[in-house]
PDB file of N, CA and C in Angstrom:
ATOM      1  N   UNK A   1     111.815  67.433  32.852  1.00  0.00           N
ATOM      2  CA  UNK A   1     112.766  67.742  33.907  1.00  0.00           C
ATOM      3  C   UNK A   1     114.180  67.650  33.319  1.00  0.00           C
ATOM      4  N   UNK A   2     114.978  68.714  33.438  1.00  0.00           N
ATOM      5  CA  UNK A   2     116.336  68.662  32.884  1.00  0.00           C
ATOM      6  C   UNK A   2     117.212  67.681  33.655  1.00  0.00           C
ATOM      7  N   UNK A   3     118.066  67.009  32.913  1.00  0.00           N
ATOM      8  CA  UNK A   3     118.990  66.060  33.542  1.00  0.00           C
ATOM      9  C   UNK A   3     120.279  66.785  33.904  1.00  0.00           C
ATOM     10  N   UNK A   4     120.805  66.467  35.061  1.00  0.00           N
ATOM     11  CA  UNK A   4     122.101  67.010  35.437  1.00  0.00           C
ATOM     12  C   UNK A   4     123.167  66.222  34.702  1.00  0.00           C
ATOM     13  N   UNK A   5     124.257  66.878  34.397  1.00  0.00           N
ATOM     14  CA  UNK A   5     125.355  66.179  33.734  1.00  0.00           C
ATOM     15  C   UNK A   5     126.672  66.617  34.344  1.00  0.00           C
ATOM     16  N   UNK A   6     127.648  65.780  34.175  1.00  0.00           N
ATOM     17  CA  UNK A   6     128.984  66.075  34.693  1.00  0.00           C
ATOM     18  C   UNK A   6     129.938  66.227  33.520  1.00  0.00           C
ATOM     19  N   UNK A   7     130.784  67.223  33.606  1.00  0.00           N
ATOM     20  CA  UNK A   7     131.804  67.380  32.582  1.00  0.00           C
ATOM     21  C   UNK A   7     132.996  66.524  32.979  1.00  0.00           C
ATOM     22  N   UNK A   8     133.503  65.798  32.022  1.00  0.00           N
ATOM     23  CA  UNK A   8     134.634  64.908  32.278  1.00  0.00           C
ATOM     24  C   UNK A   8     135.832  65.425  31.499  1.00  0.00           C
ATOM     25  N   UNK A   9     136.921  65.622  32.186  1.00  0.00           N
ATOM     26  CA  UNK A   9     138.154  66.070  31.552  1.00  0.00           C
ATOM     27  C   UNK A   9     139.187  64.974  31.726  1.00  0.00           C
ATOM     28  N   UNK A  10     139.751  64.545  30.632  1.00  0.00           N
ATOM     29  CA  UNK A  10     140.781  63.516  30.671  1.00  0.00           C
ATOM     30  C   UNK A  10     142.133  64.202  30.604  1.00  0.00           C
ATOM     31  N   UNK A  11     142.949  63.958  31.586  1.00  0.00           N
ATOM     32  CA  UNK A  11     144.263  64.584  31.662  1.00  0.00           C
ATOM     33  C   UNK A  11     145.318  63.491  31.605  1.00  0.00           C
ATOM     34  N   UNK A  12     146.096  63.492  30.552  1.00  0.00           N
ATOM     35  CA  UNK A  12     147.159  62.502  30.399  1.00  0.00           C
ATOM     36  C   UNK A  12     148.474  63.209  30.667  1.00  0.00           C
ATOM     37  N   UNK A  13     149.210  62.698  31.617  1.00  0.00           N
ATOM     38  CA  UNK A  13     150.453  63.333  32.027  1.00  0.00           C
ATOM     39  C   UNK A  13     151.617  62.410  31.690  1.00  0.00           C
ATOM     40  N   UNK A  14     152.467  62.845  30.792  1.00  0.00           N
ATOM     41  CA  UNK A  14     153.663  62.074  30.449  1.00  0.00           C
ATOM     42  C   UNK A  14     154.764  62.411  31.448  1.00  0.00           C
ATOM     43  N   UNK A  15     155.773  61.574  31.517  1.00  0.00           N
ATOM     44  CA  UNK A  15     156.863  61.775  32.472  1.00  0.00           C
ATOM     45  C   UNK A  15     157.478  63.163  32.349  1.00  0.00           C
ATOM     46  N   UNK A  16     157.699  63.606  31.114  1.00  0.00           N
ATOM     47  CA  UNK A  16     158.382  64.880  30.897  1.00  0.00           C
ATOM     48  C   UNK A  16     157.535  66.076  31.304  1.00  0.00           C
ATOM     49  N   UNK A  17     156.214  65.890  31.388  1.00  0.00           N
ATOM     50  CA  UNK A  17     155.351  67.024  31.703  1.00  0.00           C
ATOM     51  C   UNK A  17     154.593  66.815  33.009  1.00  0.00           C
ATOM     52  N   UNK A  18     155.131  65.987  33.872  1.00  0.00           N
ATOM     53  CA  UNK A  18     154.450  65.689  35.125  1.00  0.00           C
ATOM     54  C   UNK A  18     154.162  66.917  35.967  1.00  0.00           C
ATOM     55  N   UNK A  19     155.120  67.844  36.047  1.00  0.00           N
ATOM     56  CA  UNK A  19     154.930  69.043  36.857  1.00  0.00           C
ATOM     57  C   UNK A  19     153.849  69.932  36.262  1.00  0.00           C
ATOM     58  N   UNK A  20     153.907  70.138  34.952  1.00  0.00           N
ATOM     59  CA  UNK A  20     152.890  70.960  34.292  1.00  0.00           C
ATOM     60  C   UNK A  20     151.521  70.301  34.406  1.00  0.00           C
ATOM     61  N   UNK A  21     151.480  68.998  34.223  1.00  0.00           N
ATOM     62  CA  UNK A  21     150.210  68.281  34.334  1.00  0.00           C
ATOM     63  C   UNK A  21     149.632  68.380  35.729  1.00  0.00           C
ATOM     64  N   UNK A  22     150.489  68.300  36.742  1.00  0.00           N
ATOM     65  CA  UNK A  22     150.030  68.428  38.126  1.00  0.00           C
ATOM     66  C   UNK A  22     149.460  69.817  38.379  1.00  0.00           C
ATOM     67  N   UNK A  23     150.095  70.838  37.799  1.00  0.00           N
ATOM     68  CA  UNK A  23     149.609  72.209  37.961  1.00  0.00           C
ATOM     69  C   UNK A  23     148.245  72.382  37.300  1.00  0.00           C
ATOM     70  N   UNK A  24     148.078  71.792  36.116  1.00  0.00           N
ATOM     71  CA  UNK A  24     146.786  71.868  35.426  1.00  0.00           C
ATOM     72  C   UNK A  24     145.723  71.152  36.248  1.00  0.00           C
ATOM     73  N   UNK A  25     146.065  69.963  36.747  1.00  0.00           N
ATOM     74  CA  UNK A  25     145.114  69.194  37.554  1.00  0.00           C
ATOM     75  C   UNK A  25     144.720  69.968  38.805  1.00  0.00           C
ATOM     76  N   UNK A  26     145.689  70.606  39.450  1.00  0.00           N
ATOM     77  CA  UNK A  26     145.406  71.376  40.665  1.00  0.00           C
ATOM     78  C   UNK A  26     144.454  72.535  40.363  1.00  0.00           C
ATOM     79  N   UNK A  27     144.660  73.209  39.242  1.00  0.00           N
ATOM     80  CA  UNK A  27     143.790  74.335  38.868  1.00  0.00           C
ATOM     81  C   UNK A  27     142.366  73.849  38.599  1.00  0.00           C
ATOM     82  N   UNK A  28     142.236  72.751  37.845  1.00  0.00           N
ATOM     83  CA  UNK A  28     140.910  72.204  37.566  1.00  0.00           C
ATOM     84  C   UNK A  28     140.210  71.805  38.861  1.00  0.00           C
ATOM     85  N   UNK A  29     140.985  71.211  39.791  1.00  0.00           N
ATOM     86  CA  UNK A  29     140.434  70.785  41.079  1.00  0.00           C
ATOM     87  C   UNK A  29     139.920  71.999  41.859  1.00  0.00           C
ATOM     88  N   UNK A  30     140.711  73.065  41.888  1.00  0.00           N
ATOM     89  CA  UNK A  30     140.301  74.299  42.576  1.00  0.00           C
ATOM     90  C   UNK A  30     139.046  74.900  41.944  1.00  0.00           C
ATOM     91  N   UNK A  31     138.910  74.729  40.630  1.00  0.00           N
ATOM     92  CA  UNK A  31     137.748  75.273  39.918  1.00  0.00           C
ATOM     93  C   UNK A  31     136.516  74.391  40.058  1.00  0.00           C
ATOM     94  N   UNK A  32     136.637  73.312  40.819  1.00  0.00           N
ATOM     95  CA  UNK A  32     135.472  72.490  41.111  1.00  0.00           C
ATOM     96  C   UNK A  32     135.304  71.254  40.250  1.00  0.00           C
ATOM     97  N   UNK A  33     136.274  70.970  39.377  1.00  0.00           N
ATOM     98  CA  UNK A  33     136.195  69.760  38.571  1.00  0.00           C
ATOM     99  C   UNK A  33     136.708  68.573  39.373  1.00  0.00           C
ATOM    100  N   UNK A  34     136.149  67.416  39.123  1.00  0.00           N
ATOM    101  CA  UNK A  34     136.656  66.191  39.731  1.00  0.00           C
ATOM    102  C   UNK A  34     137.714  65.646  38.781  1.00  0.00           C
ATOM    103  N   UNK A  35     138.932  65.554  39.261  1.00  0.00           N
ATOM    104  CA  UNK A  35     140.061  65.197  38.408  1.00  0.00           C
ATOM    105  C   UNK A  35     140.449  63.740  38.633  1.00  0.00           C
ATOM    106  N   UNK A  36     140.512  62.992  37.550  1.00  0.00           N
ATOM    107  CA  UNK A  36     140.993  61.616  37.582  1.00  0.00           C
ATOM    108  C   UNK A  36     142.315  61.589  36.833  1.00  0.00           C
ATOM    109  N   UNK A  37     143.340  61.076  37.469  1.00  0.00           N
ATOM    110  CA  UNK A  37     144.662  61.069  36.857  1.00  0.00           C
ATOM    111  C   UNK A  37     144.997  59.698  36.298  1.00  0.00           C
ATOM    112  N   UNK A  38     145.456  59.679  35.078  1.00  0.00           N
ATOM    113  CA  UNK A  38     145.978  58.447  34.499  1.00  0.00           C
ATOM    114  C   UNK A  38     147.206  58.819  33.679  1.00  0.00           C
ATOM    115  N   UNK A  39     148.276  58.101  33.859  1.00  0.00           N
ATOM    116  CA  UNK A  39     149.517  58.436  33.173  1.00  0.00           C
ATOM    117  C   UNK A  39     150.182  57.166  32.667  1.00  0.00           C
ATOM    118  N   UNK A  40     151.053  57.312  31.671  1.00  0.00           N
ATOM    119  CA  UNK A  40     151.808  56.153  31.208  1.00  0.00           C
ATOM    120  C   UNK A  40     152.939  55.781  32.163  1.00  0.00           C
ATOM    121  N   UNK A  41     153.195  56.640  33.136  1.00  0.00           N
ATOM    122  CA  UNK A  41     154.291  56.439  34.082  1.00  0.00           C
ATOM    123  C   UNK A  41     153.694  56.265  35.480  1.00  0.00           C
ATOM    124  N   UNK A  42     153.902  55.105  36.068  1.00  0.00           N
ATOM    125  CA  UNK A  42     153.298  54.804  37.371  1.00  0.00           C
ATOM    126  C   UNK A  42     153.704  55.812  38.445  1.00  0.00           C
ATOM    127  N   UNK A  43     154.928  56.334  38.387  1.00  0.00           N
ATOM    128  CA  UNK A  43     155.357  57.279  39.423  1.00  0.00           C
ATOM    129  C   UNK A  43     154.535  58.564  39.363  1.00  0.00           C
ATOM    130  N   UNK A  44     154.164  59.009  38.158  1.00  0.00           N
ATOM    131  CA  UNK A  44     153.319  60.202  38.055  1.00  0.00           C
ATOM    132  C   UNK A  44     151.931  59.925  38.594  1.00  0.00           C
ATOM    133  N   UNK A  45     151.393  58.750  38.304  1.00  0.00           N
ATOM    134  CA  UNK A  45     150.080  58.392  38.829  1.00  0.00           C
ATOM    135  C   UNK A  45     150.123  58.383  40.348  1.00  0.00           C
ATOM    136  N   UNK A  46     151.177  57.806  40.920  1.00  0.00           N
ATOM    137  CA  UNK A  46     151.324  57.783  42.372  1.00  0.00           C
ATOM    138  C   UNK A  46     151.402  59.203  42.929  1.00  0.00           C
ATOM    139  N   UNK A  47     152.136  60.077  42.270  1.00  0.00           N
ATOM    140  CA  UNK A  47     152.291  61.458  42.736  1.00  0.00           C
ATOM    141  C   UNK A  47     150.949  62.182  42.723  1.00  0.00           C
ATOM    142  N   UNK A  48     150.201  62.045  41.636  1.00  0.00           N
ATOM    143  CA  UNK A  48     148.903  62.710  41.567  1.00  0.00           C
ATOM    144  C   UNK A  48     147.938  62.131  42.589  1.00  0.00           C
ATOM    145  N   UNK A  49     148.034  60.822  42.834  1.00  0.00           N
ATOM    146  CA  UNK A  49     147.186  60.193  43.846  1.00  0.00           C
ATOM    147  C   UNK A  49     147.521  60.764  45.227  1.00  0.00           C
ATOM    148  N   UNK A  50     148.812  60.977  45.498  1.00  0.00           N
ATOM    149  CA  UNK A  50     149.221  61.561  46.774  1.00  0.00           C
ATOM    150  C   UNK A  50     148.679  62.981  46.932  1.00  0.00           C
ATOM    151  N   UNK A  51     148.511  63.683  45.815  1.00  0.00           N
ATOM    152  CA  UNK A  51     147.972  65.040  45.857  1.00  0.00           C
ATOM    153  C   UNK A  51     146.453  65.053  46.025  1.00  0.00           C
ATOM    154  N   UNK A  52     145.837  63.863  46.009  1.00  0.00           N
ATOM    155  CA  UNK A  52     144.407  63.773  46.267  1.00  0.00           C
ATOM    156  C   UNK A  52     143.545  63.544  45.051  1.00  0.00           C
ATOM    157  N   UNK A  53     144.155  63.253  43.909  1.00  0.00           N
ATOM    158  CA  UNK A  53     143.385  62.994  42.702  1.00  0.00           C
ATOM    159  C   UNK A  53     143.178  61.496  42.560  1.00  0.00           C
ATOM    160  N   UNK A  54     141.968  61.094  42.251  1.00  0.00           N
ATOM    161  CA  UNK A  54     141.649  59.667  42.148  1.00  0.00           C
ATOM    162  C   UNK A  54     142.252  59.083  40.876  1.00  0.00           C
ATOM    163  N   UNK A  55     142.916  57.939  40.980  1.00  0.00           N
ATOM    164  CA  UNK A  55     143.426  57.307  39.757  1.00  0.00           C
ATOM    165  C   UNK A  55     142.262  56.798  38.911  1.00  0.00           C
ATOM    166  N   UNK A  56     142.393  56.933  37.615  1.00  0.00           N
ATOM    167  CA  UNK A  56     141.343  56.463  36.711  1.00  0.00           C
ATOM    168  C   UNK A  56     141.338  54.946  36.663  1.00  0.00           C
ATOM    169  N   UNK A  57     140.179  54.397  36.432  1.00  0.00           N
ATOM    170  CA  UNK A  57     140.054  52.947  36.286  1.00  0.00           C
ATOM    171  C   UNK A  57     140.245  52.622  34.819  1.00  0.00           C
ATOM    172  N   UNK A  58     141.197  51.775  34.548  1.00  0.00           N
ATOM    173  CA  UNK A  58     141.442  51.376  33.162  1.00  0.00           C
ATOM    174  C   UNK A  58     140.656  50.127  32.860  1.00  0.00           C
ATOM    175  N   UNK A  59     140.022  50.115  31.686  1.00  0.00           N
ATOM    176  CA  UNK A  59     139.204  48.971  31.346  1.00  0.00           C
ATOM    177  C   UNK A  59     139.549  48.371  30.024  1.00  0.00           C
TER     178      UNK A  59
END
């Protein structure tokens, strides 16, 4: 029996590219990918979370 698998895309958004990163995340989301946002800048993480993307869990 074949196993189902999920493709995971890691998107790192720096402060200077927050807008471009948000656009990429939005496109991936529209294409059916589950997008987890993690950034070095808390304000970008908050912005992506407001757009509906789940923040990544850091371990």
